[in-house]
Amino acid sequence: MVIKRNKNKKIKPLKNGVFILPNIFTTANLFSGCFSIFCSIDGNYELAAIAIFIAVFLDGLDGKVARAANAVSDFGKDYDSLSDLISFGAAPAIFYYAWCSNIPGGDSQHKIIWLISFFYIACAALRLARFNNLLQLKDDNHFTGFPSPAAATLCGVVIWQCQIHYIDPLISYALISFVFSISALMMVSSIHYNSFKNLRRVNKMPFSGALLGPLLLILILLNPPVVLTFLSVAYIVSGPINSLLLLIGKSDSNPQEDN
């Protein structure tokens, strides 16, 4: 029996919706950022730092899950950016403000603290806005400017180090303020940072390289402050170093072209 289809019948379009799976990770990222803010207000600084690190981990997962499940959407991108502004903009800034406000000082010091907090949030917002604006034109292998999750990790781990090692309050205040200011400026800079999204290199990685991920995870679990500090500092320095090497390479090649 042959069933004839009515060609003139209009197919009803599916109702607009959102992809559940990647947005679950984005919501968890947002929850971790809000939890960090609440911990900072309550004075639980160690949990505030850990919540930021968890948000960074979840932020890395939601994009990978969305691409793997072919669930990339404009809604997901906007929701992810808004969540990142909370987790990697507001949460570190409030963490800094709450921690440094406990250091004895005058009105001028208090003004500097909240100005740096605002400056960091503003730079994070500008960084995310530029990322969305250049999303279709960006190089998949590089980020323009210091990524906000990496900046939040660096700022959070510096405060954590000062907290657990009982460093002198004034020295801690100067160091943390310097790190926050530099991280904020690097976020809005034009320096390129490796995004580690070159899938061809990953596919060609030897079998022994597969141990790198589990080994790195073990090291982080054994001593999170030290390992995260090393990784964060190495990453923020890698951008200027690569840019400097490119400039040196161009300057060396120009005389040869003239000859």
Protein backbone atom coordinates (compact mmCIF):
# COMPACT_ATOMS: atom_id res chain seq x y z
CA MET A 1 0.00 0.00 0.00
CA VAL A 2 1.44 3.35 -1.07
CA ILE A 3 0.77 6.31 1.14
CA LYS A 4 0.52 9.57 -0.76
CA ARG A 5 1.85 12.66 0.90
CA ASN A 6 0.13 15.95 0.56
CA LYS A 7 2.78 18.21 -0.95
CA ASN A 8 0.70 21.30 -0.37
CA LYS A 9 0.49 20.69 3.35
CA LYS A 10 2.59 23.16 5.25
CA ILE A 11 5.01 21.80 7.80
CA LYS A 12 4.61 23.53 11.12
CA PRO A 13 7.91 24.92 12.39
CA LEU A 14 9.16 23.75 15.75
CA LYS A 15 8.75 26.15 18.60
CA ASN A 16 11.84 28.04 19.65
CA GLY A 17 13.54 26.57 22.68
CA VAL A 18 16.87 26.20 24.41
CA PHE A 19 19.30 23.32 24.59
CA ILE A 20 19.11 21.85 28.07
CA LEU A 21 22.41 20.02 28.48
CA PRO A 22 24.95 22.83 27.83
CA ASN A 23 22.79 25.36 29.66
CA ILE A 24 22.84 23.11 32.76
CA PHE A 25 26.61 23.57 32.91
CA THR A 26 26.22 27.31 32.31
CA THR A 27 23.70 27.52 35.15
CA ALA A 28 26.09 25.57 37.40
CA ASN A 29 28.81 28.06 36.42
CA LEU A 30 26.50 30.92 37.40
CA PHE A 31 25.63 29.20 40.68
CA SER A 32 29.33 28.81 41.53
CA GLY A 33 29.95 32.49 40.82
CA CYS A 34 27.04 33.55 43.03
CA PHE A 35 28.16 31.14 45.74
CA SER A 36 31.63 32.72 45.63
CA ILE A 37 30.07 36.15 46.10
CA PHE A 38 28.06 34.98 49.11
CA CYS A 39 31.15 33.35 50.64
CA SER A 40 33.14 36.57 50.17
CA ILE A 41 30.45 38.58 51.92
CA ASP A 42 30.37 36.06 54.77
CA GLY A 43 34.16 36.12 55.10
CA ASN A 44 34.68 32.51 53.99
CA TYR A 45 37.50 33.37 51.59
CA GLU A 46 38.83 29.88 50.95
CA LEU A 47 35.42 28.66 49.76
CA ALA A 48 35.06 31.84 47.69
CA ALA A 49 38.28 31.01 45.83
CA ILE A 50 37.35 27.35 45.34
CA ALA A 51 33.93 28.35 43.96
CA ILE A 52 35.62 30.53 41.32
CA PHE A 53 37.86 27.64 40.28
CA ILE A 54 34.83 25.36 39.98
CA ALA A 55 33.12 27.99 37.83
CA VAL A 56 36.17 28.06 35.54
CA PHE A 57 36.01 24.28 35.18
CA LEU A 58 32.27 24.35 34.40
CA ASP A 59 32.74 27.18 31.90
CA GLY A 60 35.19 25.02 30.00
CA LEU A 61 32.72 22.16 29.92
CA ASP A 62 29.62 23.96 28.66
CA GLY A 63 31.23 25.02 25.39
CA LYS A 64 32.66 21.58 24.73
CA VAL A 65 29.33 19.92 25.52
CA ALA A 66 27.48 22.35 23.24
CA ARG A 67 29.83 21.67 20.32
CA ALA A 68 29.86 17.91 20.90
CA ALA A 69 26.05 17.77 21.04
CA ASN A 70 25.66 20.22 18.14
CA ALA A 71 23.69 22.42 20.53
CA VAL A 72 25.33 25.78 19.84
CA SER A 73 22.84 28.66 19.83
CA ASP A 74 22.80 32.44 20.14
CA PHE A 75 20.87 32.10 23.38
CA GLY A 76 23.54 29.82 24.81
CA LYS A 77 26.33 32.23 23.84
CA ASP A 78 24.57 35.21 25.42
CA TYR A 79 23.66 33.24 28.54
CA ASP A 80 27.25 32.03 28.84
CA SER A 81 28.61 35.58 28.58
CA LEU A 82 26.20 36.90 31.21
CA SER A 83 27.13 34.05 33.53
CA ASP A 84 30.83 34.69 32.91
CA LEU A 85 30.40 38.33 33.86
CA ILE A 86 29.07 37.22 37.25
CA SER A 87 31.53 34.37 37.84
CA PHE A 88 34.68 35.94 36.38
CA GLY A 89 33.90 39.64 36.72
CA ALA A 90 31.74 40.35 39.76
CA ALA A 91 32.80 37.38 41.90
CA PRO A 92 36.59 38.10 41.81
CA ALA A 93 36.00 41.84 42.24
CA ILE A 94 33.77 41.34 45.30
CA PHE A 95 36.25 38.75 46.60
CA TYR A 96 38.99 41.39 46.34
CA TYR A 97 36.83 44.11 47.89
CA ALA A 98 35.72 41.94 50.82
CA TRP A 99 39.22 40.66 51.58
CA CYS A 100 41.06 43.99 51.26
CA SER A 101 38.41 45.88 53.24
CA ASN A 102 39.56 44.02 56.36
CA ILE A 103 43.03 45.59 56.09
CA PRO A 104 43.39 48.67 58.34
CA GLY A 105 43.60 51.86 56.32
CA GLY A 106 42.15 55.28 55.68
CA ASP A 107 39.51 56.57 53.32
CA SER A 108 41.99 56.90 50.44
CA GLN A 109 42.87 53.20 50.66
CA HIS A 110 39.20 52.25 50.78
CA LYS A 111 38.53 54.33 47.65
CA ILE A 112 41.38 52.61 45.82
CA ILE A 113 39.92 49.21 46.74
CA TRP A 114 36.47 49.87 45.32
CA LEU A 115 37.90 51.68 42.28
CA ILE A 116 40.06 48.65 41.42
CA SER A 117 37.01 46.42 41.98
CA PHE A 118 34.95 48.47 39.55
CA PHE A 119 37.83 48.67 37.06
CA TYR A 120 38.15 44.89 37.07
CA ILE A 121 34.41 44.35 36.48
CA ALA A 122 34.39 46.94 33.68
CA CYS A 123 37.37 45.32 31.94
CA ALA A 124 35.77 41.88 32.26
CA ALA A 125 32.56 43.22 30.69
CA LEU A 126 34.51 44.86 27.85
CA ARG A 127 36.49 41.67 27.31
CA LEU A 128 33.32 39.56 27.03
CA ALA A 129 31.60 42.13 24.78
CA ARG A 130 34.59 42.17 22.43
CA PHE A 131 34.72 38.38 22.44
CA ASN A 132 31.06 38.16 21.35
CA ASN A 133 31.51 40.90 18.77
CA LEU A 134 34.49 39.17 17.16
CA LEU A 135 33.13 35.66 17.60
CA GLN A 136 32.70 35.06 13.88
CA LEU A 137 36.04 36.66 12.98
CA LYS A 138 38.26 35.33 15.73
CA ASP A 139 41.13 32.92 15.27
CA ASP A 140 40.15 29.58 16.80
CA ASN A 141 43.71 29.05 17.99
CA HIS A 142 44.07 32.33 19.88
CA PHE A 143 42.16 34.67 22.19
CA THR A 144 42.50 38.42 21.86
CA GLY A 145 43.29 39.60 25.37
CA PHE A 146 43.67 37.64 28.59
CA PRO A 147 40.61 35.34 28.95
CA SER A 148 38.36 36.26 31.85
CA PRO A 149 38.31 32.72 33.37
CA ALA A 150 42.13 32.73 33.47
CA ALA A 151 42.14 36.21 35.00
CA ALA A 152 39.64 35.12 37.66
CA THR A 153 41.78 32.06 38.43
CA LEU A 154 44.94 34.14 38.82
CA CYS A 155 43.26 36.76 41.02
CA GLY A 156 41.47 34.18 43.14
CA VAL A 157 44.56 32.04 43.73
CA VAL A 158 46.68 35.06 44.72
CA ILE A 159 44.21 36.01 47.44
CA TRP A 160 44.07 32.36 48.52
CA GLN A 161 47.86 32.22 48.79
CA CYS A 162 47.95 35.37 50.91
CA GLN A 163 45.18 33.96 53.09
CA ILE A 164 46.68 30.53 53.80
CA HIS A 165 50.29 31.74 54.23
CA TYR A 166 49.38 34.66 56.52
CA ILE A 167 51.39 37.16 54.50
CA ASP A 168 51.69 40.66 55.95
CA PRO A 169 48.39 42.50 55.28
CA LEU A 170 49.99 45.55 53.64
CA ILE A 171 52.21 43.42 51.41
CA SER A 172 49.21 41.28 50.52
CA TYR A 173 47.14 44.36 49.71
CA ALA A 174 49.84 45.75 47.41
CA LEU A 175 50.41 42.40 45.68
CA ILE A 176 46.73 41.59 45.19
CA SER A 177 45.92 45.10 43.94
CA PHE A 178 48.79 44.87 41.45
CA VAL A 179 47.64 41.45 40.19
CA PHE A 180 44.03 42.61 39.79
CA SER A 181 45.08 45.77 37.93
CA ILE A 182 47.42 43.91 35.57
CA SER A 183 44.85 41.17 34.93
CA ALA A 184 42.19 43.77 34.13
CA LEU A 185 44.47 45.59 31.70
CA MET A 186 45.54 42.36 30.03
CA MET A 187 41.90 41.38 29.49
CA VAL A 188 41.28 44.46 27.32
CA SER A 189 44.69 44.33 25.62
CA SER A 190 45.27 43.19 22.04
CA ILE A 191 47.78 40.52 23.04
CA HIS A 192 47.01 37.06 21.69
CA TYR A 193 46.78 34.07 24.01
CA ASN A 194 46.73 30.45 22.96
CA SER A 195 43.21 29.02 23.17
CA PHE A 196 44.38 25.37 22.97
CA LYS A 197 41.57 24.68 20.49
CA ASN A 198 43.74 23.39 17.68
CA LEU A 199 42.08 19.99 17.31
CA ARG A 200 44.55 18.84 14.69
CA ARG A 201 47.38 19.01 17.17
CA VAL A 202 45.28 17.18 19.74
CA ASN A 203 44.45 14.44 17.26
CA LYS A 204 48.13 14.00 16.38
CA MET A 205 49.23 13.86 20.02
CA PRO A 206 51.14 10.67 20.85
CA PHE A 207 49.53 8.15 23.16
CA SER A 208 51.88 9.11 26.01
CA GLY A 209 50.50 12.65 25.80
CA ALA A 210 47.12 11.35 26.96
CA LEU A 211 48.61 11.04 30.44
CA LEU A 212 49.10 14.80 30.64
CA GLY A 213 45.46 15.51 31.52
CA PRO A 214 45.13 13.03 34.41
CA LEU A 215 48.59 13.97 35.70
CA LEU A 216 47.71 17.66 35.72
CA LEU A 217 44.43 16.93 37.52
CA ILE A 218 46.28 14.90 40.17
CA LEU A 219 48.78 17.71 40.74
CA ILE A 220 45.97 20.25 41.14
CA LEU A 221 44.18 18.02 43.66
CA LEU A 222 47.39 17.45 45.63
CA ASN A 223 48.25 21.14 46.00
CA PRO A 224 45.68 23.43 44.32
CA PRO A 225 47.15 26.83 45.37
CA VAL A 226 50.69 26.11 44.16
CA VAL A 227 49.75 24.38 40.90
CA LEU A 228 47.05 26.92 39.96
CA THR A 229 49.41 29.79 40.76
CA PHE A 230 52.11 28.33 38.54
CA LEU A 231 49.68 27.68 35.66
CA SER A 232 48.04 31.11 35.93
CA VAL A 233 51.31 33.04 36.06
CA ALA A 234 52.76 30.99 33.20
CA TYR A 235 49.68 31.65 31.07
CA ILE A 236 49.50 35.41 31.64
CA VAL A 237 53.22 35.72 30.86
CA SER A 238 52.97 33.53 27.75
CA GLY A 239 51.02 36.16 25.82
CA PRO A 240 53.57 39.00 26.05
CA ILE A 241 56.45 36.55 25.50
CA ASN A 242 54.89 35.18 22.30
CA SER A 243 54.18 38.72 21.08
CA LEU A 244 57.78 39.72 21.80
CA LEU A 245 59.12 36.67 19.95
CA LEU A 246 56.92 37.50 16.95
CA LEU A 247 58.25 41.07 16.90
CA ILE A 248 61.83 39.82 17.07
CA GLY A 249 61.13 37.35 14.27
CA LYS A 250 59.65 40.08 12.07
CA SER A 251 62.56 42.45 12.75
CA ASP A 252 65.04 39.71 11.80
CA SER A 253 63.20 38.88 8.57
CA ASN A 254 62.82 42.51 7.37
CA PRO A 255 66.55 43.15 6.71
CA GLN A 256 66.75 39.94 4.67
CA GLU A 257 63.78 41.04 2.56
CA ASP A 258 65.42 44.42 1.90
CA ASN A 259 68.61 42.73 0.70
